[in-house]
Amino acid sequence: MSESIVGKKTFEFAIQIVNFYKKFSIEKKEYILSKQILRSETSVGANVREALNAQSKMDFIHKLSISQKECDETIYWLELLFATEYISKEEFESLKGQAQEILKIIRSIIITTKNKTHNS
C-alpha cells in the first residue's frame, strides 16, 4: 500500500493545503480557520501512513477511520471558509472535490477491509 492511490493522493493534497495555508495566512491575514484546515488535512495523510504500519487489521481500520474523520473535518473547514467568503467558488470546488475523492477512497478501503476481516 506504500505506493497506493490513497497514500499518493493524501500526500499531494497535503502539499496543496500547506501551500494554501502559507498563501492564505500571508494574503488574508487569517490564521485560525486556515490553521484548522492545515491540521485536519495533514492528519489525513499521516494516519494513512500510520495504517501502513498497523499491527493488525483492526489497527489498520482504526487508523483509516481517523483519516476518514479528519478528511470530513477538512471538508467542514472548506465549507466554512467558502461560506464566509474567504475562498472563491473555484478554490472551494477544487479543494472540496479532491477531499471528497479521498474520503470515498478511504471509506471504500475501510469497508473492504471490514468485509474481508468478517469473511475470514
PDB file of N, CA and C in Angstrom:
ATOM      1  N   MET A   1       0.813  -1.197   0.000  1.00  0.00           N
ATOM      2  CA  MET A   1       0.000   0.000   0.000  1.00  0.00           C
ATOM      3  C   MET A   1       0.854   1.257   0.000  1.00  0.00           C
ATOM      4  N   SER A   2       2.168   1.143   0.199  1.00  0.00           N
ATOM      5  CA  SER A   2       3.007   2.333   0.240  1.00  0.00           C
ATOM      6  C   SER A   2       2.944   3.103  -1.073  1.00  0.00           C
ATOM      7  N   GLU A   3       2.694   2.437  -2.161  1.00  0.00           N
ATOM      8  CA  GLU A   3       2.535   3.092  -3.455  1.00  0.00           C
ATOM      9  C   GLU A   3       1.056   3.190  -3.828  1.00  0.00           C
ATOM     10  N   SER A   4       0.209   3.194  -2.817  1.00  0.00           N
ATOM     11  CA  SER A   4      -1.228   3.189  -3.048  1.00  0.00           C
ATOM     12  C   SER A   4      -1.734   4.518  -3.574  1.00  0.00           C
ATOM     13  N   ILE A   5      -2.871   4.452  -4.180  1.00  0.00           N
ATOM     14  CA  ILE A   5      -3.524   5.659  -4.679  1.00  0.00           C
ATOM     15  C   ILE A   5      -3.851   6.597  -3.529  1.00  0.00           C
ATOM     16  N   VAL A   6      -4.394   6.065  -2.447  1.00  0.00           N
ATOM     17  CA  VAL A   6      -4.786   6.922  -1.327  1.00  0.00           C
ATOM     18  C   VAL A   6      -3.563   7.556  -0.668  1.00  0.00           C
ATOM     19  N   GLY A   7      -2.477   6.822  -0.555  1.00  0.00           N
ATOM     20  CA  GLY A   7      -1.257   7.389   0.010  1.00  0.00           C
ATOM     21  C   GLY A   7      -0.731   8.536  -0.832  1.00  0.00           C
ATOM     22  N   LYS A   8      -0.728   8.323  -2.134  1.00  0.00           N
ATOM     23  CA  LYS A   8      -0.245   9.360  -3.054  1.00  0.00           C
ATOM     24  C   LYS A   8      -1.176  10.574  -3.042  1.00  0.00           C
ATOM     25  N   LYS A   9      -2.466  10.325  -3.116  1.00  0.00           N
ATOM     26  CA  LYS A   9      -3.434  11.425  -3.158  1.00  0.00           C
ATOM     27  C   LYS A   9      -3.432  12.243  -1.864  1.00  0.00           C
ATOM     28  N   THR A  10      -3.325  11.565  -0.724  1.00  0.00           N
ATOM     29  CA  THR A  10      -3.328  12.307   0.539  1.00  0.00           C
ATOM     30  C   THR A  10      -2.063  13.148   0.680  1.00  0.00           C
ATOM     31  N   PHE A  11      -0.943  12.633   0.224  1.00  0.00           N
ATOM     32  CA  PHE A  11       0.305  13.398   0.290  1.00  0.00           C
ATOM     33  C   PHE A  11       0.251  14.615  -0.634  1.00  0.00           C
ATOM     34  N   GLU A  12      -0.209  14.395  -1.858  1.00  0.00           N
ATOM     35  CA  GLU A  12      -0.308  15.509  -2.815  1.00  0.00           C
ATOM     36  C   GLU A  12      -1.300  16.571  -2.331  1.00  0.00           C
ATOM     37  N   PHE A  13      -2.409  16.127  -1.752  1.00  0.00           N
ATOM     38  CA  PHE A  13      -3.402  17.078  -1.249  1.00  0.00           C
ATOM     39  C   PHE A  13      -2.852  17.841  -0.041  1.00  0.00           C
ATOM     40  N   ALA A  14      -2.088  17.158   0.802  1.00  0.00           N
ATOM     41  CA  ALA A  14      -1.469  17.827   1.948  1.00  0.00           C
ATOM     42  C   ALA A  14      -0.520  18.926   1.479  1.00  0.00           C
ATOM     43  N   ILE A  15       0.226  18.670   0.417  1.00  0.00           N
ATOM     44  CA  ILE A  15       1.121  19.691  -0.135  1.00  0.00           C
ATOM     45  C   ILE A  15       0.310  20.902  -0.589  1.00  0.00           C
ATOM     46  N   GLN A  16      -0.808  20.657  -1.264  1.00  0.00           N
ATOM     47  CA  GLN A  16      -1.676  21.764  -1.701  1.00  0.00           C
ATOM     48  C   GLN A  16      -2.182  22.574  -0.511  1.00  0.00           C
ATOM     49  N   ILE A  17      -2.597  21.877   0.544  1.00  0.00           N
ATOM     50  CA  ILE A  17      -3.143  22.557   1.710  1.00  0.00           C
ATOM     51  C   ILE A  17      -2.052  23.340   2.442  1.00  0.00           C
ATOM     52  N   VAL A  18      -0.858  22.802   2.523  1.00  0.00           N
ATOM     53  CA  VAL A  18       0.245  23.541   3.144  1.00  0.00           C
ATOM     54  C   VAL A  18       0.511  24.822   2.352  1.00  0.00           C
ATOM     55  N   ASN A  19       0.561  24.712   1.047  1.00  0.00           N
ATOM     56  CA  ASN A  19       0.774  25.901   0.210  1.00  0.00           C
ATOM     57  C   ASN A  19      -0.404  26.869   0.304  1.00  0.00           C
ATOM     58  N   PHE A  20      -1.605  26.327   0.369  1.00  0.00           N
ATOM     59  CA  PHE A  20      -2.811  27.144   0.556  1.00  0.00           C
ATOM     60  C   PHE A  20      -2.706  27.911   1.875  1.00  0.00           C
ATOM     61  N   TYR A  21      -2.306  27.228   2.934  1.00  0.00           N
ATOM     62  CA  TYR A  21      -2.170  27.860   4.246  1.00  0.00           C
ATOM     63  C   TYR A  21      -1.135  28.990   4.205  1.00  0.00           C
ATOM     64  N   LYS A  22       0.007  28.722   3.588  1.00  0.00           N
ATOM     65  CA  LYS A  22       1.054  29.746   3.524  1.00  0.00           C
ATOM     66  C   LYS A  22       0.539  30.995   2.803  1.00  0.00           C
ATOM     67  N   LYS A  23      -0.097  30.788   1.670  1.00  0.00           N
ATOM     68  CA  LYS A  23      -0.640  31.901   0.879  1.00  0.00           C
ATOM     69  C   LYS A  23      -1.769  32.602   1.644  1.00  0.00           C
ATOM     70  N   PHE A  24      -2.633  31.814   2.220  1.00  0.00           N
ATOM     71  CA  PHE A  24      -3.810  32.336   2.907  1.00  0.00           C
ATOM     72  C   PHE A  24      -3.428  33.195   4.107  1.00  0.00           C
ATOM     73  N   SER A  25      -2.481  32.718   4.889  1.00  0.00           N
ATOM     74  CA  SER A  25      -2.083  33.461   6.080  1.00  0.00           C
ATOM     75  C   SER A  25      -1.349  34.755   5.718  1.00  0.00           C
ATOM     76  N   ILE A  26      -0.643  34.758   4.604  1.00  0.00           N
ATOM     77  CA  ILE A  26       0.061  35.974   4.180  1.00  0.00           C
ATOM     78  C   ILE A  26      -0.907  36.971   3.540  1.00  0.00           C
ATOM     79  N   GLU A  27      -1.710  36.496   2.586  1.00  0.00           N
ATOM     80  CA  GLU A  27      -2.594  37.401   1.837  1.00  0.00           C
ATOM     81  C   GLU A  27      -3.814  37.852   2.622  1.00  0.00           C
ATOM     82  N   LYS A  28      -4.437  36.939   3.338  1.00  0.00           N
ATOM     83  CA  LYS A  28      -5.692  37.253   4.025  1.00  0.00           C
ATOM     84  C   LYS A  28      -5.487  37.589   5.500  1.00  0.00           C
ATOM     85  N   LYS A  29      -4.310  37.302   5.998  1.00  0.00           N
ATOM     86  CA  LYS A  29      -4.019  37.528   7.421  1.00  0.00           C
ATOM     87  C   LYS A  29      -5.021  36.813   8.322  1.00  0.00           C
ATOM     88  N   GLU A  30      -5.452  35.648   7.884  1.00  0.00           N
ATOM     89  CA  GLU A  30      -6.397  34.835   8.652  1.00  0.00           C
ATOM     90  C   GLU A  30      -5.631  33.604   9.127  1.00  0.00           C
ATOM     91  N   TYR A  31      -5.612  33.377  10.426  1.00  0.00           N
ATOM     92  CA  TYR A  31      -4.771  32.318  10.967  1.00  0.00           C
ATOM     93  C   TYR A  31      -5.542  31.196  11.660  1.00  0.00           C
ATOM     94  N   ILE A  32      -6.723  31.465  12.148  1.00  0.00           N
ATOM     95  CA  ILE A  32      -7.451  30.464  12.939  1.00  0.00           C
ATOM     96  C   ILE A  32      -8.051  29.378  12.049  1.00  0.00           C
ATOM     97  N   LEU A  33      -8.915  29.773  11.112  1.00  0.00           N
ATOM     98  CA  LEU A  33      -9.564  28.780  10.246  1.00  0.00           C
ATOM     99  C   LEU A  33      -8.545  28.067   9.360  1.00  0.00           C
ATOM    100  N   SER A  34      -7.612  28.818   8.836  1.00  0.00           N
ATOM    101  CA  SER A  34      -6.622  28.207   7.951  1.00  0.00           C
ATOM    102  C   SER A  34      -5.729  27.229   8.712  1.00  0.00           C
ATOM    103  N   LYS A  35      -5.448  27.503   9.968  1.00  0.00           N
ATOM    104  CA  LYS A  35      -4.654  26.572  10.781  1.00  0.00           C
ATOM    105  C   LYS A  35      -5.448  25.294  11.045  1.00  0.00           C
ATOM    106  N   GLN A  36      -6.756  25.434  11.229  1.00  0.00           N
ATOM    107  CA  GLN A  36      -7.604  24.260  11.464  1.00  0.00           C
ATOM    108  C   GLN A  36      -7.592  23.329  10.248  1.00  0.00           C
ATOM    109  N   ILE A  37      -7.716  23.913   9.059  1.00  0.00           N
ATOM    110  CA  ILE A  37      -7.725  23.067   7.859  1.00  0.00           C
ATOM    111  C   ILE A  37      -6.348  22.456   7.633  1.00  0.00           C
ATOM    112  N   LEU A  38      -5.312  23.187   7.968  1.00  0.00           N
ATOM    113  CA  LEU A  38      -3.951  22.656   7.863  1.00  0.00           C
ATOM    114  C   LEU A  38      -3.793  21.441   8.775  1.00  0.00           C
ATOM    115  N   ARG A  39      -4.259  21.550   9.996  1.00  0.00           N
ATOM    116  CA  ARG A  39      -4.142  20.447  10.956  1.00  0.00           C
ATOM    117  C   ARG A  39      -4.959  19.233  10.536  1.00  0.00           C
ATOM    118  N   SER A  40      -6.210  19.465  10.147  1.00  0.00           N
ATOM    119  CA  SER A  40      -7.060  18.319   9.801  1.00  0.00           C
ATOM    120  C   SER A  40      -6.565  17.617   8.544  1.00  0.00           C
ATOM    121  N   GLU A  41      -6.211  18.379   7.521  1.00  0.00           N
ATOM    122  CA  GLU A  41      -5.799  17.744   6.266  1.00  0.00           C
ATOM    123  C   GLU A  41      -4.465  17.028   6.395  1.00  0.00           C
ATOM    124  N   THR A  42      -3.500  17.609   7.072  1.00  0.00           N
ATOM    125  CA  THR A  42      -2.216  16.914   7.196  1.00  0.00           C
ATOM    126  C   THR A  42      -2.354  15.658   8.053  1.00  0.00           C
ATOM    127  N   SER A  43      -3.333  15.625   8.917  1.00  0.00           N
ATOM    128  CA  SER A  43      -3.600  14.439   9.723  1.00  0.00           C
ATOM    129  C   SER A  43      -4.131  13.285   8.872  1.00  0.00           C
ATOM    130  N   VAL A  44      -4.816  13.601   7.796  1.00  0.00           N
ATOM    131  CA  VAL A  44      -5.366  12.557   6.921  1.00  0.00           C
ATOM    132  C   VAL A  44      -4.233  11.671   6.399  1.00  0.00           C
ATOM    133  N   GLY A  45      -3.271  12.289   5.764  1.00  0.00           N
ATOM    134  CA  GLY A  45      -2.151  11.539   5.203  1.00  0.00           C
ATOM    135  C   GLY A  45      -1.292  10.872   6.254  1.00  0.00           C
ATOM    136  N   ALA A  46      -1.108  11.560   7.388  1.00  0.00           N
ATOM    137  CA  ALA A  46      -0.296  10.984   8.471  1.00  0.00           C
ATOM    138  C   ALA A  46      -0.933   9.697   8.993  1.00  0.00           C
ATOM    139  N   ASN A  47      -2.241   9.682   9.118  1.00  0.00           N
ATOM    140  CA  ASN A  47      -2.917   8.476   9.601  1.00  0.00           C
ATOM    141  C   ASN A  47      -2.967   7.379   8.547  1.00  0.00           C
ATOM    142  N   VAL A  48      -3.037   7.757   7.289  1.00  0.00           N
ATOM    143  CA  VAL A  48      -2.920   6.749   6.222  1.00  0.00           C
ATOM    144  C   VAL A  48      -1.545   6.102   6.307  1.00  0.00           C
ATOM    145  N   ARG A  49      -0.529   6.923   6.503  1.00  0.00           N
ATOM    146  CA  ARG A  49       0.835   6.396   6.636  1.00  0.00           C
ATOM    147  C   ARG A  49       0.950   5.479   7.854  1.00  0.00           C
ATOM    148  N   GLU A  50       0.340   5.876   8.958  1.00  0.00           N
ATOM    149  CA  GLU A  50       0.357   5.024  10.157  1.00  0.00           C
ATOM    150  C   GLU A  50      -0.346   3.697   9.894  1.00  0.00           C
ATOM    151  N   ALA A  51      -1.393   3.726   9.096  1.00  0.00           N
ATOM    152  CA  ALA A  51      -2.117   2.490   8.786  1.00  0.00           C
ATOM    153  C   ALA A  51      -1.207   1.489   8.075  1.00  0.00           C
ATOM    154  N   LEU A  52      -0.243   1.992   7.330  1.00  0.00           N
ATOM    155  CA  LEU A  52       0.704   1.105   6.646  1.00  0.00           C
ATOM    156  C   LEU A  52       1.504   0.270   7.630  1.00  0.00           C
ATOM    157  N   ASN A  53       1.674   0.786   8.827  1.00  0.00           N
ATOM    158  CA  ASN A  53       2.447   0.093   9.856  1.00  0.00           C
ATOM    159  C   ASN A  53       1.555  -0.492  10.943  1.00  0.00           C
ATOM    160  N   ALA A  54       0.307  -0.692  10.606  1.00  0.00           N
ATOM    161  CA  ALA A  54      -0.654  -1.219  11.586  1.00  0.00           C
ATOM    162  C   ALA A  54      -0.210  -2.581  12.097  1.00  0.00           C
ATOM    163  N   GLN A  55      -0.524  -2.839  13.352  1.00  0.00           N
ATOM    164  CA  GLN A  55      -0.150  -4.097  13.978  1.00  0.00           C
ATOM    165  C   GLN A  55      -1.178  -5.198  13.743  1.00  0.00           C
ATOM    166  N   SER A  56      -2.354  -4.789  13.255  1.00  0.00           N
ATOM    167  CA  SER A  56      -3.416  -5.764  12.985  1.00  0.00           C
ATOM    168  C   SER A  56      -4.409  -5.142  12.011  1.00  0.00           C
ATOM    169  N   LYS A  57      -5.327  -5.958  11.546  1.00  0.00           N
ATOM    170  CA  LYS A  57      -6.393  -5.441  10.666  1.00  0.00           C
ATOM    171  C   LYS A  57      -7.236  -4.405  11.401  1.00  0.00           C
ATOM    172  N   MET A  58      -7.502  -4.661  12.685  1.00  0.00           N
ATOM    173  CA  MET A  58      -8.307  -3.710  13.468  1.00  0.00           C
ATOM    174  C   MET A  58      -7.566  -2.386  13.646  1.00  0.00           C
ATOM    175  N   ASP A  59      -6.261  -2.448  13.850  1.00  0.00           N
ATOM    176  CA  ASP A  59      -5.452  -1.239  13.967  1.00  0.00           C
ATOM    177  C   ASP A  59      -5.460  -0.486  12.637  1.00  0.00           C
ATOM    178  N   PHE A  60      -5.358  -1.229  11.543  1.00  0.00           N
ATOM    179  CA  PHE A  60      -5.415  -0.647  10.194  1.00  0.00           C
ATOM    180  C   PHE A  60      -6.729   0.099   9.997  1.00  0.00           C
ATOM    181  N   ILE A  61      -7.829  -0.553  10.343  1.00  0.00           N
ATOM    182  CA  ILE A  61      -9.153   0.060  10.213  1.00  0.00           C
ATOM    183  C   ILE A  61      -9.256   1.287  11.114  1.00  0.00           C
ATOM    184  N   HIS A  62      -8.733   1.183  12.328  1.00  0.00           N
ATOM    185  CA  HIS A  62      -8.774   2.303  13.266  1.00  0.00           C
ATOM    186  C   HIS A  62      -8.040   3.527  12.711  1.00  0.00           C
ATOM    187  N   LYS A  63      -6.836   3.326  12.199  1.00  0.00           N
ATOM    188  CA  LYS A  63      -6.050   4.452  11.655  1.00  0.00           C
ATOM    189  C   LYS A  63      -6.758   5.071  10.448  1.00  0.00           C
ATOM    190  N   LEU A  64      -7.315   4.235   9.593  1.00  0.00           N
ATOM    191  CA  LEU A  64      -8.043   4.771   8.438  1.00  0.00           C
ATOM    192  C   LEU A  64      -9.331   5.465   8.861  1.00  0.00           C
ATOM    193  N   SER A  65      -9.939   4.991   9.945  1.00  0.00           N
ATOM    194  CA  SER A  65     -11.141   5.655  10.461  1.00  0.00           C
ATOM    195  C   SER A  65     -10.816   7.056  10.956  1.00  0.00           C
ATOM    196  N   ILE A  66      -9.652   7.217  11.568  1.00  0.00           N
ATOM    197  CA  ILE A  66      -9.217   8.559  11.974  1.00  0.00           C
ATOM    198  C   ILE A  66      -9.011   9.428  10.736  1.00  0.00           C
ATOM    199  N   SER A  67      -8.392   8.874   9.706  1.00  0.00           N
ATOM    200  CA  SER A  67      -8.210   9.613   8.450  1.00  0.00           C
ATOM    201  C   SER A  67      -9.548  10.038   7.864  1.00  0.00           C
ATOM    202  N   GLN A  68     -10.505   9.143   7.923  1.00  0.00           N
ATOM    203  CA  GLN A  68     -11.844   9.436   7.408  1.00  0.00           C
ATOM    204  C   GLN A  68     -12.449  10.629   8.147  1.00  0.00           C
ATOM    205  N   LYS A  69     -12.366  10.623   9.457  1.00  0.00           N
ATOM    206  CA  LYS A  69     -12.916  11.722  10.262  1.00  0.00           C
ATOM    207  C   LYS A  69     -12.201  13.031   9.972  1.00  0.00           C
ATOM    208  N   GLU A  70     -10.885  12.977   9.863  1.00  0.00           N
ATOM    209  CA  GLU A  70     -10.102  14.186   9.597  1.00  0.00           C
ATOM    210  C   GLU A  70     -10.392  14.733   8.199  1.00  0.00           C
ATOM    211  N   CYS A  71     -10.613  13.854   7.256  1.00  0.00           N
ATOM    212  CA  CYS A  71     -10.940  14.283   5.897  1.00  0.00           C
ATOM    213  C   CYS A  71     -12.298  14.976   5.876  1.00  0.00           C
ATOM    214  N   ASP A  72     -13.259  14.405   6.589  1.00  0.00           N
ATOM    215  CA  ASP A  72     -14.580  15.027   6.666  1.00  0.00           C
ATOM    216  C   ASP A  72     -14.488  16.379   7.381  1.00  0.00           C
ATOM    217  N   GLU A  73     -13.630  16.475   8.399  1.00  0.00           N
ATOM    218  CA  GLU A  73     -13.426  17.754   9.078  1.00  0.00           C
ATOM    219  C   GLU A  73     -12.817  18.780   8.121  1.00  0.00           C
ATOM    220  N   THR A  74     -11.904  18.340   7.273  1.00  0.00           N
ATOM    221  CA  THR A  74     -11.308  19.230   6.279  1.00  0.00           C
ATOM    222  C   THR A  74     -12.391  19.813   5.374  1.00  0.00           C
ATOM    223  N   ILE A  75     -13.331  18.975   4.973  1.00  0.00           N
ATOM    224  CA  ILE A  75     -14.437  19.442   4.131  1.00  0.00           C
ATOM    225  C   ILE A  75     -15.259  20.484   4.887  1.00  0.00           C
ATOM    226  N   TYR A  76     -15.480  20.257   6.174  1.00  0.00           N
ATOM    227  CA  TYR A  76     -16.204  21.234   7.002  1.00  0.00           C
ATOM    228  C   TYR A  76     -15.494  22.588   6.977  1.00  0.00           C
ATOM    229  N   TRP A  77     -14.188  22.600   7.191  1.00  0.00           N
ATOM    230  CA  TRP A  77     -13.451  23.870   7.208  1.00  0.00           C
ATOM    231  C   TRP A  77     -13.492  24.545   5.841  1.00  0.00           C
ATOM    232  N   LEU A  78     -13.424  23.760   4.781  1.00  0.00           N
ATOM    233  CA  LEU A  78     -13.543  24.331   3.435  1.00  0.00           C
ATOM    234  C   LEU A  78     -14.906  24.978   3.240  1.00  0.00           C
ATOM    235  N   GLU A  79     -15.955  24.286   3.690  1.00  0.00           N
ATOM    236  CA  GLU A  79     -17.312  24.840   3.575  1.00  0.00           C
ATOM    237  C   GLU A  79     -17.437  26.135   4.365  1.00  0.00           C
ATOM    238  N   LEU A  80     -16.837  26.179   5.542  1.00  0.00           N
ATOM    239  CA  LEU A  80     -16.883  27.382   6.365  1.00  0.00           C
ATOM    240  C   LEU A  80     -16.100  28.526   5.723  1.00  0.00           C
ATOM    241  N   LEU A  81     -14.937  28.233   5.193  1.00  0.00           N
ATOM    242  CA  LEU A  81     -14.144  29.263   4.513  1.00  0.00           C
ATOM    243  C   LEU A  81     -14.888  29.818   3.302  1.00  0.00           C
ATOM    244  N   PHE A  82     -15.578  28.941   2.590  1.00  0.00           N
ATOM    245  CA  PHE A  82     -16.346  29.387   1.427  1.00  0.00           C
ATOM    246  C   PHE A  82     -17.568  30.206   1.859  1.00  0.00           C
ATOM    247  N   ALA A  83     -18.285  29.735   2.857  1.00  0.00           N
ATOM    248  CA  ALA A  83     -19.497  30.415   3.321  1.00  0.00           C
ATOM    249  C   ALA A  83     -19.196  31.807   3.881  1.00  0.00           C
ATOM    250  N   THR A  84     -17.993  31.977   4.407  1.00  0.00           N
ATOM    251  CA  THR A  84     -17.609  33.286   4.969  1.00  0.00           C
ATOM    252  C   THR A  84     -16.802  34.116   3.968  1.00  0.00           C
ATOM    253  N   GLU A  85     -16.782  33.648   2.736  1.00  0.00           N
ATOM    254  CA  GLU A  85     -16.180  34.356   1.602  1.00  0.00           C
ATOM    255  C   GLU A  85     -14.673  34.575   1.717  1.00  0.00           C
ATOM    256  N   TYR A  86     -14.004  33.658   2.411  1.00  0.00           N
ATOM    257  CA  TYR A  86     -12.548  33.706   2.452  1.00  0.00           C
ATOM    258  C   TYR A  86     -11.926  33.090   1.203  1.00  0.00           C
ATOM    259  N   ILE A  87     -12.649  32.107   0.607  1.00  0.00           N
ATOM    260  CA  ILE A  87     -12.135  31.478  -0.610  1.00  0.00           C
ATOM    261  C   ILE A  87     -13.181  31.581  -1.715  1.00  0.00           C
ATOM    262  N   SER A  88     -12.683  31.562  -2.931  1.00  0.00           N
ATOM    263  CA  SER A  88     -13.556  31.672  -4.096  1.00  0.00           C
ATOM    264  C   SER A  88     -14.288  30.359  -4.347  1.00  0.00           C
ATOM    265  N   LYS A  89     -15.309  30.445  -5.157  1.00  0.00           N
ATOM    266  CA  LYS A  89     -16.073  29.246  -5.520  1.00  0.00           C
ATOM    267  C   LYS A  89     -15.171  28.240  -6.234  1.00  0.00           C
ATOM    268  N   GLU A  90     -14.287  28.730  -7.089  1.00  0.00           N
ATOM    269  CA  GLU A  90     -13.384  27.860  -7.831  1.00  0.00           C
ATOM    270  C   GLU A  90     -12.427  27.125  -6.897  1.00  0.00           C
ATOM    271  N   GLU A  91     -11.828  27.854  -5.948  1.00  0.00           N
ATOM    272  CA  GLU A  91     -10.935  27.217  -4.967  1.00  0.00           C
ATOM    273  C   GLU A  91     -11.701  26.182  -4.151  1.00  0.00           C
ATOM    274  N   PHE A  92     -12.877  26.587  -3.695  1.00  0.00           N
ATOM    275  CA  PHE A  92     -13.705  25.709  -2.881  1.00  0.00           C
ATOM    276  C   PHE A  92     -14.043  24.420  -3.618  1.00  0.00           C
ATOM    277  N   GLU A  93     -14.541  24.547  -4.822  1.00  0.00           N
ATOM    278  CA  GLU A  93     -14.958  23.362  -5.579  1.00  0.00           C
ATOM    279  C   GLU A  93     -13.781  22.440  -5.879  1.00  0.00           C
ATOM    280  N   SER A  94     -12.642  23.013  -6.199  1.00  0.00           N
ATOM    281  CA  SER A  94     -11.461  22.206  -6.497  1.00  0.00           C
ATOM    282  C   SER A  94     -10.986  21.453  -5.256  1.00  0.00           C
ATOM    283  N   LEU A  95     -10.805  22.178  -4.151  1.00  0.00           N
ATOM    284  CA  LEU A  95     -10.313  21.552  -2.928  1.00  0.00           C
ATOM    285  C   LEU A  95     -11.325  20.573  -2.337  1.00  0.00           C
ATOM    286  N   LYS A  96     -12.591  20.960  -2.344  1.00  0.00           N
ATOM    287  CA  LYS A  96     -13.617  20.069  -1.796  1.00  0.00           C
ATOM    288  C   LYS A  96     -13.728  18.797  -2.640  1.00  0.00           C
ATOM    289  N   GLY A  97     -13.644  18.937  -3.951  1.00  0.00           N
ATOM    290  CA  GLY A  97     -13.709  17.768  -4.831  1.00  0.00           C
ATOM    291  C   GLY A  97     -12.588  16.776  -4.548  1.00  0.00           C
ATOM    292  N   GLN A  98     -11.386  17.296  -4.336  1.00  0.00           N
ATOM    293  CA  GLN A  98     -10.257  16.425  -4.015  1.00  0.00           C
ATOM    294  C   GLN A  98     -10.460  15.742  -2.664  1.00  0.00           C
ATOM    295  N   ALA A  99     -10.920  16.506  -1.687  1.00  0.00           N
ATOM    296  CA  ALA A  99     -11.157  15.937  -0.354  1.00  0.00           C
ATOM    297  C   ALA A  99     -12.246  14.866  -0.411  1.00  0.00           C
ATOM    298  N   GLN A 100     -13.305  15.109  -1.162  1.00  0.00           N
ATOM    299  CA  GLN A 100     -14.383  14.120  -1.276  1.00  0.00           C
ATOM    300  C   GLN A 100     -13.897  12.849  -1.963  1.00  0.00           C
ATOM    301  N   GLU A 101     -13.044  12.986  -2.956  1.00  0.00           N
ATOM    302  CA  GLU A 101     -12.494  11.819  -3.637  1.00  0.00           C
ATOM    303  C   GLU A 101     -11.658  10.981  -2.660  1.00  0.00           C
ATOM    304  N   ILE A 102     -10.818  11.646  -1.879  1.00  0.00           N
ATOM    305  CA  ILE A 102     -10.005  10.948  -0.878  1.00  0.00           C
ATOM    306  C   ILE A 102     -10.905  10.272   0.156  1.00  0.00           C
ATOM    307  N   LEU A 103     -11.927  10.980   0.597  1.00  0.00           N
ATOM    308  CA  LEU A 103     -12.860  10.432   1.582  1.00  0.00           C
ATOM    309  C   LEU A 103     -13.529   9.168   1.055  1.00  0.00           C
ATOM    310  N   LYS A 104     -13.953   9.183  -0.190  1.00  0.00           N
ATOM    311  CA  LYS A 104     -14.586   7.998  -0.788  1.00  0.00           C
ATOM    312  C   LYS A 104     -13.625   6.821  -0.850  1.00  0.00           C
ATOM    313  N   ILE A 105     -12.375   7.095  -1.203  1.00  0.00           N
ATOM    314  CA  ILE A 105     -11.371   6.024  -1.288  1.00  0.00           C
ATOM    315  C   ILE A 105     -11.138   5.419   0.094  1.00  0.00           C
ATOM    316  N   ILE A 106     -10.974   6.282   1.097  1.00  0.00           N
ATOM    317  CA  ILE A 106     -10.736   5.795   2.456  1.00  0.00           C
ATOM    318  C   ILE A 106     -11.917   4.960   2.940  1.00  0.00           C
ATOM    319  N   ARG A 107     -13.123   5.465   2.722  1.00  0.00           N
ATOM    320  CA  ARG A 107     -14.319   4.715   3.138  1.00  0.00           C
ATOM    321  C   ARG A 107     -14.379   3.357   2.452  1.00  0.00           C
ATOM    322  N   SER A 108     -14.058   3.338   1.182  1.00  0.00           N
ATOM    323  CA  SER A 108     -14.078   2.083   0.429  1.00  0.00           C
ATOM    324  C   SER A 108     -13.060   1.087   0.983  1.00  0.00           C
ATOM    325  N   ILE A 109     -11.868   1.553   1.312  1.00  0.00           N
ATOM    326  CA  ILE A 109     -10.840   0.675   1.876  1.00  0.00           C
ATOM    327  C   ILE A 109     -11.300   0.127   3.227  1.00  0.00           C
ATOM    328  N   ILE A 110     -11.898   0.971   4.048  1.00  0.00           N
ATOM    329  CA  ILE A 110     -12.385   0.527   5.356  1.00  0.00           C
ATOM    330  C   ILE A 110     -13.449  -0.556   5.189  1.00  0.00           C
ATOM    331  N   ILE A 111     -14.417  -0.308   4.319  1.00  0.00           N
ATOM    332  CA  ILE A 111     -15.497  -1.269   4.097  1.00  0.00           C
ATOM    333  C   ILE A 111     -14.949  -2.594   3.565  1.00  0.00           C
ATOM    334  N   THR A 112     -14.056  -2.506   2.581  1.00  0.00           N
ATOM    335  CA  THR A 112     -13.471  -3.720   2.006  1.00  0.00           C
ATOM    336  C   THR A 112     -12.696  -4.507   3.059  1.00  0.00           C
ATOM    337  N   THR A 113     -11.911  -3.797   3.865  1.00  0.00           N
ATOM    338  CA  THR A 113     -11.115  -4.468   4.898  1.00  0.00           C
ATOM    339  C   THR A 113     -12.020  -5.106   5.945  1.00  0.00           C
ATOM    340  N   LYS A 114     -13.068  -4.404   6.344  1.00  0.00           N
ATOM    341  CA  LYS A 114     -14.015  -4.969   7.319  1.00  0.00           C
ATOM    342  C   LYS A 114     -14.677  -6.225   6.756  1.00  0.00           C
ATOM    343  N   ASN A 115     -15.079  -6.167   5.499  1.00  0.00           N
ATOM    344  CA  ASN A 115     -15.723  -7.327   4.876  1.00  0.00           C
ATOM    345  C   ASN A 115     -14.768  -8.513   4.796  1.00  0.00           C
ATOM    346  N   LYS A 116     -13.518  -8.262   4.459  1.00  0.00           N
ATOM    347  CA  LYS A 116     -12.535  -9.343   4.395  1.00  0.00           C
ATOM    348  C   LYS A 116     -12.259  -9.914   5.775  1.00  0.00           C
ATOM    349  N   THR A 117     -12.237  -9.050   6.780  1.00  0.00           N
ATOM    350  CA  THR A 117     -11.981  -9.477   8.145  1.00  0.00           C
ATOM    351  C   THR A 117     -13.121 -10.354   8.653  1.00  0.00           C
ATOM    352  N   HIS A 118     -14.355  -9.962   8.360  1.00  0.00           N
ATOM    353  CA  HIS A 118     -15.515 -10.722   8.815  1.00  0.00           C
ATOM    354  C   HIS A 118     -15.688 -12.038   8.055  1.00  0.00           C
ATOM    355  N   ASN A 119     -15.223 -12.073   6.807  1.00  0.00           N
ATOM    356  CA  ASN A 119     -15.371 -13.275   5.994  1.00  0.00           C
ATOM    357  C   ASN A 119     -14.211 -14.261   6.173  1.00  0.00           C
ATOM    358  N   SER A 120     -13.201 -13.875   6.937  1.00  0.00           N
ATOM    359  CA  SER A 120     -12.038 -14.750   7.142  1.00  0.00           C
ATOM    360  C   SER A 120     -12.276 -15.767   8.224  1.00  0.00           C
TER     361      SER A 120
END
